[in-house]
Amino acid sequence: MVATVNLTLKQARLISEKKQKEIASLLGVHIRTYRKIEKNPEIATVKQAKSISNFLGISYNEIFFGS
């Protein structure tokens, strides 16, 4: 049995050594908007979630679905 990793969006960002400002810029949103996404990732659009995952180099499923 393989253990799955459940990462919060903040944990994934910190592991990747990225700043909130960098991801906000990538998404084309204000840093406050990104902070809201980080606290409540369910409000991210699929496009935003995939962009964040690609930028962080961590699977979309690990961050947003915990599998």
N, C-alpha and C. Protein backbone atom coordinates (compact mmCIF):
# COMPACT_ATOMS: atom_id res chain seq x y z
N MET A 1 0.84 -1.18 0.00
CA MET A 1 0.00 0.00 0.00
C MET A 1 0.89 1.24 0.00
N VAL A 2 0.59 2.18 -0.86
CA VAL A 2 1.36 3.41 -0.99
C VAL A 2 0.66 4.52 -0.22
N ALA A 3 1.40 5.18 0.64
CA ALA A 3 0.83 6.30 1.41
C ALA A 3 0.69 7.52 0.52
N THR A 4 -0.40 8.23 0.69
CA THR A 4 -0.60 9.46 -0.07
C THR A 4 -0.18 10.64 0.79
N VAL A 5 0.24 11.68 0.12
CA VAL A 5 0.67 12.89 0.81
C VAL A 5 -0.44 13.92 0.69
N ASN A 6 -0.84 14.47 1.80
CA ASN A 6 -1.84 15.53 1.80
C ASN A 6 -1.15 16.83 2.17
N LEU A 7 -1.05 17.71 1.22
CA LEU A 7 -0.41 19.00 1.45
C LEU A 7 -1.44 20.11 1.37
N THR A 8 -1.31 21.07 2.25
CA THR A 8 -2.11 22.28 2.07
C THR A 8 -1.42 23.11 0.99
N LEU A 9 -2.12 24.04 0.45
CA LEU A 9 -1.55 24.91 -0.56
C LEU A 9 -0.35 25.67 0.02
N LYS A 10 -0.47 26.12 1.25
CA LYS A 10 0.63 26.84 1.90
C LYS A 10 1.84 25.93 2.06
N GLN A 11 1.64 24.69 2.52
CA GLN A 11 2.75 23.75 2.67
C GLN A 11 3.44 23.51 1.33
N ALA A 12 2.67 23.32 0.28
CA ALA A 12 3.24 23.09 -1.05
C ALA A 12 4.07 24.29 -1.49
N ARG A 13 3.56 25.49 -1.23
CA ARG A 13 4.29 26.71 -1.60
C ARG A 13 5.60 26.81 -0.83
N LEU A 14 5.54 26.53 0.47
CA LEU A 14 6.75 26.63 1.29
C LEU A 14 7.79 25.58 0.89
N ILE A 15 7.35 24.36 0.60
CA ILE A 15 8.27 23.31 0.14
C ILE A 15 8.96 23.75 -1.14
N SER A 16 8.23 24.43 -2.00
CA SER A 16 8.77 24.88 -3.29
C SER A 16 9.55 26.19 -3.18
N GLU A 17 9.58 26.74 -1.97
CA GLU A 17 10.31 27.99 -1.70
C GLU A 17 9.85 29.15 -2.60
N LYS A 18 8.55 29.25 -2.76
CA LYS A 18 7.96 30.34 -3.54
C LYS A 18 7.25 31.31 -2.60
N LYS A 19 7.13 32.53 -3.03
CA LYS A 19 6.45 33.57 -2.25
C LYS A 19 5.02 33.74 -2.77
N GLN A 20 4.14 34.17 -1.88
CA GLN A 20 2.76 34.42 -2.28
C GLN A 20 2.70 35.41 -3.44
N LYS A 21 3.55 36.42 -3.40
CA LYS A 21 3.57 37.45 -4.44
C LYS A 21 3.88 36.84 -5.82
N GLU A 22 4.78 35.85 -5.85
CA GLU A 22 5.13 35.21 -7.12
C GLU A 22 3.93 34.48 -7.72
N ILE A 23 3.20 33.78 -6.87
CA ILE A 23 2.06 33.02 -7.37
C ILE A 23 0.92 33.96 -7.76
N ALA A 24 0.72 35.00 -6.99
CA ALA A 24 -0.30 35.99 -7.34
C ALA A 24 0.00 36.59 -8.72
N SER A 25 1.26 36.90 -8.95
CA SER A 25 1.67 37.45 -10.25
C SER A 25 1.43 36.44 -11.37
N LEU A 26 1.77 35.19 -11.13
CA LEU A 26 1.55 34.13 -12.11
C LEU A 26 0.07 34.04 -12.50
N LEU A 27 -0.79 34.16 -11.49
CA LEU A 27 -2.23 34.05 -11.73
C LEU A 27 -2.86 35.34 -12.24
N GLY A 28 -2.12 36.45 -12.13
CA GLY A 28 -2.66 37.73 -12.56
C GLY A 28 -3.69 38.27 -11.58
N VAL A 29 -3.50 37.95 -10.28
CA VAL A 29 -4.42 38.43 -9.26
C VAL A 29 -3.65 39.20 -8.20
N HIS A 30 -4.37 40.00 -7.42
CA HIS A 30 -3.76 40.73 -6.32
C HIS A 30 -3.33 39.74 -5.25
N ILE A 31 -2.29 40.06 -4.51
CA ILE A 31 -1.80 39.16 -3.47
C ILE A 31 -2.88 38.82 -2.45
N ARG A 32 -3.78 39.75 -2.16
CA ARG A 32 -4.87 39.47 -1.22
C ARG A 32 -5.78 38.36 -1.75
N THR A 33 -6.00 38.39 -3.06
CA THR A 33 -6.82 37.35 -3.67
C THR A 33 -6.13 36.00 -3.56
N TYR A 34 -4.82 35.98 -3.80
CA TYR A 34 -4.09 34.72 -3.67
C TYR A 34 -4.14 34.22 -2.23
N ARG A 35 -4.00 35.11 -1.27
CA ARG A 35 -4.06 34.70 0.14
C ARG A 35 -5.40 34.04 0.46
N LYS A 36 -6.48 34.57 -0.13
CA LYS A 36 -7.80 33.96 0.06
C LYS A 36 -7.83 32.55 -0.53
N ILE A 37 -7.21 32.39 -1.70
CA ILE A 37 -7.14 31.07 -2.34
C ILE A 37 -6.33 30.11 -1.47
N GLU A 38 -5.24 30.60 -0.91
CA GLU A 38 -4.39 29.75 -0.08
C GLU A 38 -5.14 29.28 1.17
N LYS A 39 -5.96 30.15 1.73
CA LYS A 39 -6.74 29.77 2.93
C LYS A 39 -7.93 28.89 2.57
N ASN A 40 -8.49 29.08 1.40
CA ASN A 40 -9.68 28.34 0.94
C ASN A 40 -9.46 27.87 -0.49
N PRO A 41 -8.63 26.84 -0.70
CA PRO A 41 -8.29 26.43 -2.06
C PRO A 41 -9.48 26.01 -2.92
N GLU A 42 -10.60 25.70 -2.28
CA GLU A 42 -11.77 25.31 -3.05
C GLU A 42 -12.32 26.45 -3.89
N ILE A 43 -11.90 27.69 -3.62
CA ILE A 43 -12.37 28.83 -4.43
C ILE A 43 -11.53 29.03 -5.69
N ALA A 44 -10.41 28.31 -5.79
CA ALA A 44 -9.57 28.43 -7.00
C ALA A 44 -10.28 27.79 -8.17
N THR A 45 -10.14 28.40 -9.33
CA THR A 45 -10.67 27.78 -10.54
C THR A 45 -9.76 26.61 -10.90
N VAL A 46 -10.25 25.73 -11.75
CA VAL A 46 -9.42 24.59 -12.19
C VAL A 46 -8.17 25.12 -12.87
N LYS A 47 -8.33 26.14 -13.69
CA LYS A 47 -7.18 26.72 -14.39
C LYS A 47 -6.15 27.26 -13.39
N GLN A 48 -6.62 27.98 -12.37
CA GLN A 48 -5.71 28.51 -11.35
C GLN A 48 -5.02 27.38 -10.60
N ALA A 49 -5.78 26.37 -10.22
CA ALA A 49 -5.22 25.25 -9.47
C ALA A 49 -4.14 24.54 -10.28
N LYS A 50 -4.39 24.32 -11.55
CA LYS A 50 -3.40 23.65 -12.40
C LYS A 50 -2.17 24.53 -12.61
N SER A 51 -2.37 25.84 -12.76
CA SER A 51 -1.24 26.76 -12.91
C SER A 51 -0.37 26.76 -11.66
N ILE A 52 -1.00 26.80 -10.50
CA ILE A 52 -0.26 26.78 -9.23
C ILE A 52 0.52 25.49 -9.11
N SER A 53 -0.13 24.36 -9.37
CA SER A 53 0.53 23.06 -9.27
C SER A 53 1.73 22.96 -10.18
N ASN A 54 1.56 23.39 -11.42
CA ASN A 54 2.67 23.36 -12.37
C ASN A 54 3.81 24.25 -11.91
N PHE A 55 3.49 25.43 -11.44
CA PHE A 55 4.50 26.37 -10.97
C PHE A 55 5.27 25.82 -9.78
N LEU A 56 4.56 25.17 -8.87
CA LEU A 56 5.19 24.62 -7.67
C LEU A 56 5.88 23.28 -7.92
N GLY A 57 5.53 22.65 -9.04
CA GLY A 57 6.13 21.35 -9.36
C GLY A 57 5.61 20.24 -8.46
N ILE A 58 4.39 20.40 -7.97
CA ILE A 58 3.76 19.40 -7.11
C ILE A 58 2.41 19.04 -7.71
N SER A 59 2.10 17.77 -7.71
CA SER A 59 0.88 17.27 -8.32
C SER A 59 -0.37 18.02 -7.86
N TYR A 60 -1.18 18.35 -8.82
CA TYR A 60 -2.49 18.98 -8.60
C TYR A 60 -3.29 18.17 -7.58
N ASN A 61 -3.28 16.85 -7.73
CA ASN A 61 -4.03 15.98 -6.83
C ASN A 61 -3.52 16.03 -5.40
N GLU A 62 -2.22 16.12 -5.21
CA GLU A 62 -1.64 16.16 -3.86
C GLU A 62 -2.04 17.43 -3.11
N ILE A 63 -2.13 18.53 -3.84
CA ILE A 63 -2.45 19.81 -3.20
C ILE A 63 -3.95 19.99 -3.04
N PHE A 64 -4.68 19.77 -4.11
CA PHE A 64 -6.09 20.12 -4.10
C PHE A 64 -7.05 18.99 -3.76
N PHE A 65 -6.55 17.74 -3.84
CA PHE A 65 -7.42 16.61 -3.53
C PHE A 65 -6.83 15.66 -2.50
N GLY A 66 -5.59 15.90 -2.09
CA GLY A 66 -4.98 15.07 -1.07
C GLY A 66 -4.79 13.63 -1.46
N SER A 67 -4.54 13.39 -2.77
CA SER A 67 -4.30 12.01 -3.20
C SER A 67 -3.30 11.97 -4.32
